[in-house]
Each structure stands twice: as C-alpha cells, then as structure tokens.
Amino acid sequence: MSKRGSLIFLGVLLAALLPPLLQMARPFFTAFLLASILAIVLHPANRWLGRRLRRPGVATLVTTVTTVLVLSLLLGFVGLALTQELAANYETLSQRSLQEGGWPALATHSADRVVDAVAVYVPLDRAAIRNHLLEALEGMTVYLRDHVGSAVGGVTSMLITSLLTTIFLYFLLRRGELWLRWLAVWTPLDREVTESLVLTVKNSVMANVNGVFAVVVAQGVCLGLGFWFVGLNSPVLWGAVGGLASIVPFVGSPMVWLPIVLAYALLGNYWLALGLGLWGALIVGSVDDVLRPFVVGAREKQHPVLIALAAVGGTYAFGALGFLLGPLVLSLVVALVKEIQALVAPR
C-alpha cells in the first residue's frame, strides 16, 4: 500500500474513532475547562516558582497543592461560619413558630399580616391573596423537600469534579506549554497566527476572570451594606457569601438575600423585607449586568453590549460555565475573522 493510501486509511479510521472518543471525554469536560482556566491564571506564578526552585516538577506540585489548600480553607471557613449563622437564625424562627403555634401557624399568620398590609393600599380580594401566598409557601416547601436528594448528589458530583480538576491542573501546568507547541506543529498555520490565537484565548480567560472578581467584590460590598442597614447579624460574612454566590449563573446572589427577605417577612419586619428586596433586585442585581461587560470588554477591546450578549447566550448554550465560554467563543471568532482577512487581503 502506498504512503498516500496509508494516510487516507488512517485518517478515515481516526475520524471514525473521534465521535466515541469525544463521547467518552464528555464527563470530564467541566473539570478540564476549570483546570484550564486555573492553569492560565496560575501559569506566571508557576513559571516564576520553577525558576526559583530550578525544579519544574516540584514547583508545579507546590503550585497545585497551594491552590487547592487555599480554595479549600476559604470554602471551609465560609461554610462553617454560614452554618453557624443559619443555625442561629433557624433557632430564632423556631422560637417564633412556637409562639405562633407551629410552623404552619407561623406561615398562616405571616400570610395574614402580609395580606392586611397590602390590602390597606391596594383594594384586592384578601382571601385570594392569602390563598396565593399559602400556595407559594407550600410549593416552596415541597420543592425543597423533593430536591434534598439532588443536593446530596450535587455535593458528590462537586467533590469528584474538584478531584479531577486538581489532577488536570497539575498536568496542564507541567505539560501545557509542550502541548501547545505540539498543537502548533499539527495545525497548518504560521507560527505567528497560532501564537495570536493562543494569546486571544489567554486574554479572554484573564478578562473574564477579572470580570468575575469585580462582580464578586462589588456585589459583596453592596449586599454587605444592605444587610448592615437592615440590622442583619454578621453583614460582612453574608455579603461575602452573597458575592461568592454571584458566580453561579441564573440564581447568583438572590439565593442568599431572597431567603433573608422571606425570613424578615415571616418575622413581621415587612418594611425591612421590602427595602432589602428592592435593594437586592434593583441595585445588587444590576451590578453584574453593568460591571462585568465593561471590565471584560475593556481588556478584550470588544463592545460591552456584545460581551453581555455573549455571556448570556453562552450561559444558555453551555450551562454554568457559559458566562466564560460565551465571551471566549466571541473573541476567537473575531480573531479568526481578522486572520482570514489578513490572508485574503492583497499584498
């Protein structure tokens, strides 16, 4: 068989094996993507440490272990403090429920008080409002009860993803540059074009990471101020938790401040609940929509509106990590169009 025939046969065989290979790799996509983002961010520190220690393998191991320890200690501290605060708040609500005659009575009396407060200003059917409120509370209780098992499964999945991310992070920091050079050899592109595309990916990742940190800090500060104003215990802690929760797409910080609003309403602090709810919805909620596109767009030199649309579209297309993948895909498309224009332009 000629060399050309062998290449054709091997190429067809490789093309046939790629779909099952991609299907097998699909469960590891999230962990590999997270590890890739961390590797890009940590690469300068790892390279500096390798030069100081003169042992790249040891430097990579130290960088990986230090990163995992710092993130684990941070999450552990926040989780412990949050558990203590939740236990204290639950004790307060439990005492109030005993005074009211139990949790169902507390929910009913709270709904009656909300109905009376609303009916003073809005001429609506009190019975209908009361029934809707009770149905909403019952639906929320059923939802939480039905999703306890899913939450446990989610924790297990998160632990497995964290372990895989740690493994991938080590090998990406250790062999990432070598793999990029190998990829450049296999692509039929000039070295300058390959380096430009790699730089585009790096800049996009760094810009999105900067945007995430900016939103976390801004929403944490805004939530902390709101919690301090309504007199919540440990407003700094709850603000930090709310800022970290802003990383989660779709739900974000509302999964922190919304239960607090409901707790204030159950305790009869309606004006505080209304004020905190408006602050969270109008002020805190707008931080992500305004700040992230400007921070990301400033580094990627893209219009903030395009960045915002790419983040939203990426979230719907790829899930939780889409807010990073969306702007990255947009940046790669723009970079590819520029390279194509450079190739077809008359010299």
Protein backbone atom coordinates (compact mmCIF):
# COMPACT_ATOMS: atom_id res chain seq x y z
CA MET A 1 0.00 0.00 0.00
CA SER A 2 1.33 3.44 -0.93
CA LYS A 3 2.04 6.13 1.63
CA ARG A 4 -0.93 8.17 0.43
CA GLY A 5 -3.26 5.19 0.76
CA SER A 6 -1.99 4.51 4.27
CA LEU A 7 -2.60 8.13 5.27
CA ILE A 8 -6.15 8.01 3.86
CA PHE A 9 -6.92 4.76 5.68
CA LEU A 10 -5.51 6.01 8.98
CA GLY A 11 -7.34 9.35 8.60
CA VAL A 12 -10.68 7.59 7.99
CA LEU A 13 -10.06 5.29 10.94
CA LEU A 14 -9.20 8.26 13.17
CA ALA A 15 -12.34 10.14 12.04
CA ALA A 16 -14.44 7.08 12.89
CA LEU A 17 -12.94 6.86 16.38
CA LEU A 18 -13.29 10.57 17.21
CA PRO A 19 -17.08 10.56 17.99
CA PRO A 20 -16.88 7.77 20.62
CA LEU A 21 -13.70 9.36 21.99
CA LEU A 22 -15.46 12.72 22.41
CA GLN A 23 -18.42 10.95 24.00
CA MET A 24 -16.08 9.30 26.50
CA ALA A 25 -14.40 12.62 27.27
CA ARG A 26 -17.68 14.49 27.78
CA PRO A 27 -18.00 13.75 31.56
CA PHE A 28 -14.58 15.33 32.12
CA PHE A 29 -15.25 18.50 30.13
CA THR A 30 -16.21 20.69 33.09
CA ALA A 31 -13.23 19.62 35.19
CA PHE A 32 -10.83 20.08 32.27
CA LEU A 33 -12.24 23.53 31.47
CA LEU A 34 -11.93 24.67 35.10
CA ALA A 35 -8.39 23.31 35.25
CA SER A 36 -7.52 25.12 32.00
CA ILE A 37 -8.79 28.43 33.37
CA LEU A 38 -6.84 27.96 36.60
CA ALA A 39 -3.74 26.93 34.65
CA ILE A 40 -3.84 30.10 32.55
CA VAL A 41 -4.24 32.25 35.66
CA LEU A 42 -1.56 30.42 37.67
CA HIS A 43 0.95 29.94 34.84
CA PRO A 44 3.02 33.08 35.59
CA ALA A 45 3.31 32.19 39.29
CA ASN A 46 4.19 28.58 38.46
CA ARG A 47 6.86 29.65 35.97
CA TRP A 48 8.36 32.10 38.47
CA LEU A 49 8.44 29.42 41.18
CA GLY A 50 10.03 26.96 38.77
CA ARG A 51 12.84 29.41 38.06
CA ARG A 52 13.42 29.97 41.75
CA LEU A 53 13.40 26.28 42.71
CA ARG A 54 15.06 25.13 39.45
CA ARG A 55 12.85 22.05 39.62
CA PRO A 56 9.73 22.46 37.43
CA GLY A 57 8.04 19.32 38.71
CA VAL A 58 8.34 20.36 42.36
CA ALA A 59 7.21 23.89 41.51
CA THR A 60 4.11 22.56 39.73
CA LEU A 61 3.28 20.30 42.66
CA VAL A 62 3.68 23.19 45.13
CA THR A 63 1.51 25.49 42.99
CA THR A 64 -1.23 22.89 42.63
CA VAL A 65 -1.30 21.88 46.30
CA THR A 66 -1.20 25.51 47.48
CA THR A 67 -4.09 26.45 45.20
CA VAL A 68 -6.21 23.53 46.40
CA LEU A 69 -5.43 24.25 50.06
CA VAL A 70 -6.24 27.97 49.77
CA LEU A 71 -9.55 27.32 47.99
CA SER A 72 -10.47 24.51 50.42
CA LEU A 73 -9.69 26.62 53.50
CA LEU A 74 -11.64 29.55 52.10
CA LEU A 75 -14.70 27.46 51.30
CA GLY A 76 -14.42 25.60 54.60
CA PHE A 77 -14.26 28.81 56.61
CA VAL A 78 -17.20 30.34 54.78
CA GLY A 79 -19.19 27.11 55.09
CA LEU A 80 -18.54 26.81 58.84
CA ALA A 81 -19.43 30.43 59.53
CA LEU A 82 -22.51 30.17 57.31
CA THR A 83 -23.66 27.01 59.11
CA GLN A 84 -23.38 28.74 62.49
CA GLU A 85 -25.32 31.76 61.27
CA LEU A 86 -28.02 29.58 59.71
CA ALA A 87 -28.36 27.61 62.94
CA ALA A 88 -28.79 30.84 64.94
CA ASN A 89 -31.38 32.21 62.51
CA TYR A 90 -33.23 28.89 62.47
CA GLU A 91 -33.36 28.96 66.27
CA THR A 92 -34.92 32.43 66.14
CA LEU A 93 -37.54 31.32 63.63
CA SER A 94 -38.22 28.16 65.67
CA GLN A 95 -38.90 30.19 68.81
CA ARG A 96 -41.21 32.45 66.83
CA SER A 97 -43.01 29.43 65.40
CA LEU A 98 -43.55 28.03 68.91
CA GLN A 99 -45.09 31.33 69.96
CA GLU A 100 -47.38 31.24 66.94
CA GLY A 101 -48.34 27.57 67.44
CA GLY A 102 -46.04 25.80 64.99
CA TRP A 103 -44.61 26.32 61.52
CA PRO A 104 -47.96 26.04 59.67
CA ALA A 105 -49.49 28.61 62.04
CA LEU A 106 -46.48 30.91 61.60
CA ALA A 107 -46.81 30.73 57.83
CA THR A 108 -50.56 31.34 58.01
CA HIS A 109 -50.29 34.29 60.41
CA SER A 110 -47.44 35.79 58.37
CA ALA A 111 -49.54 35.49 55.22
CA ASP A 112 -52.47 37.15 57.01
CA ARG A 113 -50.27 40.05 58.12
CA VAL A 114 -48.90 40.49 54.59
CA VAL A 115 -52.44 40.45 53.20
CA ASP A 116 -53.59 43.04 55.73
CA ALA A 117 -50.61 45.27 54.94
CA VAL A 118 -51.18 45.04 51.18
CA ALA A 119 -54.96 45.45 51.41
CA VAL A 120 -54.55 48.81 53.15
CA TYR A 121 -53.02 50.31 50.00
CA VAL A 122 -54.43 48.06 47.24
CA PRO A 123 -58.14 47.15 47.06
CA LEU A 124 -57.74 43.45 46.33
CA ASP A 125 -59.52 40.31 47.45
CA ARG A 126 -57.89 39.37 50.77
CA ALA A 127 -58.93 35.73 50.59
CA ALA A 128 -57.44 35.31 47.10
CA ILE A 129 -54.12 36.94 48.14
CA ARG A 130 -53.96 34.80 51.26
CA ASN A 131 -54.57 31.59 49.29
CA HIS A 132 -51.89 32.51 46.73
CA LEU A 133 -49.34 33.20 49.48
CA LEU A 134 -50.07 29.93 51.24
CA GLU A 135 -49.85 28.01 47.96
CA ALA A 136 -46.49 29.65 47.24
CA LEU A 137 -45.15 28.71 50.69
CA GLU A 138 -46.42 25.15 50.32
CA GLY A 139 -44.89 24.86 46.86
CA MET A 140 -41.55 26.11 48.17
CA THR A 141 -41.63 23.54 50.97
CA VAL A 142 -42.40 20.70 48.55
CA TYR A 143 -39.63 21.87 46.20
CA LEU A 144 -37.04 21.90 48.98
CA ARG A 145 -38.14 18.50 50.22
CA ASP A 146 -38.03 16.93 46.76
CA HIS A 147 -34.61 18.35 45.95
CA VAL A 148 -32.75 17.24 49.08
CA GLY A 149 -31.54 14.13 47.30
CA SER A 150 -30.45 16.17 44.30
CA ALA A 151 -28.48 18.47 46.60
CA VAL A 152 -26.64 15.48 48.11
CA GLY A 153 -25.90 14.17 44.63
CA GLY A 154 -24.68 17.61 43.61
CA VAL A 155 -22.21 17.68 46.51
CA THR A 156 -20.87 14.27 45.47
CA SER A 157 -20.53 15.40 41.87
CA MET A 158 -18.78 18.58 43.00
CA LEU A 159 -16.22 16.56 45.01
CA ILE A 160 -15.48 14.33 42.02
CA THR A 161 -15.15 17.36 39.74
CA SER A 162 -12.80 19.01 42.23
CA LEU A 163 -10.58 15.93 42.32
CA LEU A 164 -10.44 15.71 38.53
CA THR A 165 -9.78 19.46 38.28
CA THR A 166 -6.80 19.09 40.64
CA ILE A 167 -5.34 16.27 38.54
CA PHE A 168 -5.86 18.13 35.27
CA LEU A 169 -4.43 21.32 36.78
CA TYR A 170 -1.15 19.62 37.68
CA PHE A 171 -0.62 18.17 34.21
CA LEU A 172 -1.68 21.38 32.44
CA LEU A 173 0.80 23.41 34.50
CA ARG A 174 3.50 20.78 33.98
CA ARG A 175 2.98 19.98 30.29
CA GLY A 176 0.74 22.78 28.99
CA GLU A 177 3.43 24.65 27.08
CA LEU A 178 4.68 21.43 25.50
CA TRP A 179 1.15 20.51 24.40
CA LEU A 180 0.67 23.95 22.86
CA ARG A 181 3.88 23.60 20.86
CA TRP A 182 2.78 20.14 19.75
CA LEU A 183 -0.60 21.55 18.70
CA ALA A 184 1.12 24.33 16.75
CA VAL A 185 3.08 21.72 14.77
CA TRP A 186 -0.08 19.86 13.81
CA THR A 187 -2.02 22.94 12.69
CA PRO A 188 -1.37 24.12 9.11
CA LEU A 189 -0.90 27.71 10.26
CA ASP A 190 2.02 30.05 10.51
CA ARG A 191 3.66 30.36 13.88
CA GLU A 192 2.53 33.98 14.20
CA VAL A 193 -1.11 33.07 13.56
CA THR A 194 -1.02 30.24 16.12
CA GLU A 195 0.58 32.48 18.73
CA SER A 196 -2.03 35.17 18.05
CA LEU A 197 -4.90 32.72 18.60
CA VAL A 198 -3.33 31.36 21.79
CA LEU A 199 -2.85 34.93 23.04
CA THR A 200 -6.51 35.65 22.25
CA VAL A 201 -7.63 32.71 24.39
CA LYS A 202 -5.33 33.77 27.23
CA ASN A 203 -6.51 37.39 27.17
CA SER A 204 -10.16 36.31 27.04
CA VAL A 205 -9.78 34.00 30.03
CA MET A 206 -7.94 36.64 32.06
CA ALA A 207 -10.52 39.28 31.13
CA ASN A 208 -13.39 37.04 32.22
CA VAL A 209 -11.65 36.10 35.46
CA ASN A 210 -11.13 39.81 36.18
CA GLY A 211 -14.81 40.38 35.45
CA VAL A 212 -15.83 37.60 37.84
CA PHE A 213 -13.67 39.02 40.64
CA ALA A 214 -15.00 42.53 40.02
CA VAL A 215 -18.61 41.33 40.25
CA VAL A 216 -17.90 39.23 43.36
CA VAL A 217 -16.35 42.22 45.15
CA ALA A 218 -18.98 44.74 44.01
CA GLN A 219 -21.97 42.55 44.82
CA GLY A 220 -20.40 41.51 48.13
CA VAL A 221 -19.94 45.15 49.15
CA CYS A 222 -23.46 46.13 48.05
CA LEU A 223 -25.03 43.16 49.84
CA GLY A 224 -22.97 43.82 52.97
CA LEU A 225 -24.22 47.41 53.04
CA GLY A 226 -27.81 46.25 52.57
CA PHE A 227 -27.53 43.62 55.31
CA TRP A 228 -25.92 46.16 57.66
CA PHE A 229 -28.71 48.66 57.03
CA VAL A 230 -31.47 46.16 57.89
CA GLY A 231 -29.60 45.05 61.03
CA LEU A 232 -28.67 41.51 59.98
CA ASN A 233 -26.13 39.69 62.14
CA SER A 234 -22.68 39.36 60.51
CA PRO A 235 -23.38 41.54 57.45
CA VAL A 236 -19.77 41.20 56.27
CA LEU A 237 -19.99 37.40 56.26
CA TRP A 238 -23.34 37.34 54.49
CA GLY A 239 -22.11 39.93 52.00
CA ALA A 240 -19.07 37.78 51.23
CA VAL A 241 -21.26 34.70 50.79
CA GLY A 242 -23.60 36.64 48.51
CA GLY A 243 -20.66 37.90 46.47
CA LEU A 244 -19.31 34.38 46.02
CA ALA A 245 -22.81 33.19 45.09
CA SER A 246 -22.84 35.69 42.21
CA ILE A 247 -20.55 33.28 40.34
CA VAL A 248 -23.47 30.84 39.95
CA PRO A 249 -25.41 31.73 36.77
CA PHE A 250 -29.19 32.33 36.75
CA VAL A 251 -29.59 32.23 40.55
CA GLY A 252 -26.48 34.02 41.84
CA SER A 253 -26.75 36.29 44.87
CA PRO A 254 -30.60 36.09 45.10
CA MET A 255 -30.23 32.62 46.60
CA VAL A 256 -28.62 34.40 49.59
CA TRP A 257 -30.62 37.62 50.02
CA LEU A 258 -34.04 36.28 48.96
CA PRO A 259 -34.35 33.77 51.87
CA ILE A 260 -33.34 36.58 54.24
CA VAL A 261 -36.12 38.75 52.81
CA LEU A 262 -38.60 35.89 53.36
CA ALA A 263 -37.30 35.40 56.92
CA TYR A 264 -37.86 39.10 57.70
CA ALA A 265 -41.36 38.84 56.27
CA LEU A 266 -42.13 35.78 58.42
CA LEU A 267 -40.90 37.67 61.49
CA GLY A 268 -43.21 40.59 60.66
CA ASN A 269 -40.47 43.05 59.60
CA TYR A 270 -42.24 43.95 56.36
CA TRP A 271 -40.58 47.29 55.67
CA LEU A 272 -37.12 45.78 56.19
CA ALA A 273 -38.06 42.88 53.92
CA LEU A 274 -39.37 45.27 51.26
CA GLY A 275 -36.30 47.51 51.46
CA LEU A 276 -33.83 44.62 51.28
CA GLY A 277 -35.79 43.05 48.43
CA LEU A 278 -35.74 46.26 46.39
CA TRP A 279 -32.04 46.80 47.15
CA GLY A 280 -31.18 43.26 46.05
CA ALA A 281 -33.32 43.32 42.91
CA LEU A 282 -32.54 46.83 41.66
CA ILE A 283 -29.03 47.64 42.92
CA VAL A 284 -27.26 44.32 43.51
CA GLY A 285 -28.91 42.68 40.52
CA SER A 286 -27.75 45.39 38.13
CA VAL A 287 -24.08 45.16 39.17
CA ASP A 288 -23.47 42.00 37.13
CA ASP A 289 -25.25 43.35 34.05
CA VAL A 290 -23.29 46.62 34.09
CA LEU A 291 -19.88 45.94 35.60
CA ARG A 292 -18.86 42.60 34.05
CA PRO A 293 -19.30 43.66 30.36
CA PHE A 294 -17.26 46.82 30.92
CA VAL A 295 -14.42 45.01 32.72
CA VAL A 296 -14.27 42.18 30.18
CA GLY A 297 -14.78 44.44 27.17
CA ALA A 298 -12.04 46.84 28.24
CA ARG A 299 -9.39 44.10 28.08
CA GLU A 300 -10.75 42.25 25.07
CA LYS A 301 -11.40 45.52 23.21
CA GLN A 302 -14.99 44.47 22.50
CA HIS A 303 -18.17 46.46 22.98
CA PRO A 304 -19.74 45.82 26.42
CA VAL A 305 -23.10 45.04 24.84
CA LEU A 306 -21.54 42.26 22.74
CA ILE A 307 -19.79 40.87 25.81
CA ALA A 308 -23.06 40.90 27.79
CA LEU A 309 -24.95 39.14 24.98
CA ALA A 310 -22.15 36.58 24.60
CA ALA A 311 -22.20 35.84 28.34
CA VAL A 312 -25.98 35.40 28.42
CA GLY A 313 -26.03 33.33 25.23
CA GLY A 314 -23.11 31.22 26.43
CA THR A 315 -24.89 30.50 29.71
CA TYR A 316 -27.97 29.25 27.89
CA ALA A 317 -25.87 27.24 25.41
CA PHE A 318 -23.24 25.70 27.70
CA GLY A 319 -24.73 25.91 31.20
CA ALA A 320 -22.98 27.19 34.30
CA LEU A 321 -19.63 27.83 32.61
CA GLY A 322 -21.17 29.57 29.63
CA PHE A 323 -20.57 33.03 31.06
CA LEU A 324 -16.86 32.30 30.48
CA LEU A 325 -17.21 30.30 27.27
CA GLY A 326 -19.52 32.80 25.56
CA PRO A 327 -17.07 35.75 25.52
CA LEU A 328 -14.23 33.31 24.74
CA VAL A 329 -16.04 32.00 21.65
CA LEU A 330 -16.82 35.58 20.58
CA SER A 331 -13.16 36.59 20.93
CA LEU A 332 -11.99 33.55 18.96
CA VAL A 333 -14.46 34.26 16.17
CA VAL A 334 -13.29 37.87 15.94
CA ALA A 335 -9.64 36.74 15.94
CA LEU A 336 -10.29 34.13 13.22
CA VAL A 337 -12.09 36.69 11.05
CA LYS A 338 -9.13 39.06 11.37
CA GLU A 339 -6.67 36.31 10.42
CA ILE A 340 -8.82 35.33 7.41
CA GLN A 341 -8.98 38.96 6.31
CA ALA A 342 -5.19 39.19 6.61
CA LEU A 343 -4.74 36.07 4.45
CA VAL A 344 -7.14 37.12 1.67
CA ALA A 345 -6.10 40.77 1.63
CA PRO A 346 -3.99 41.76 -1.38
CA ARG A 347 -0.30 42.05 -0.61
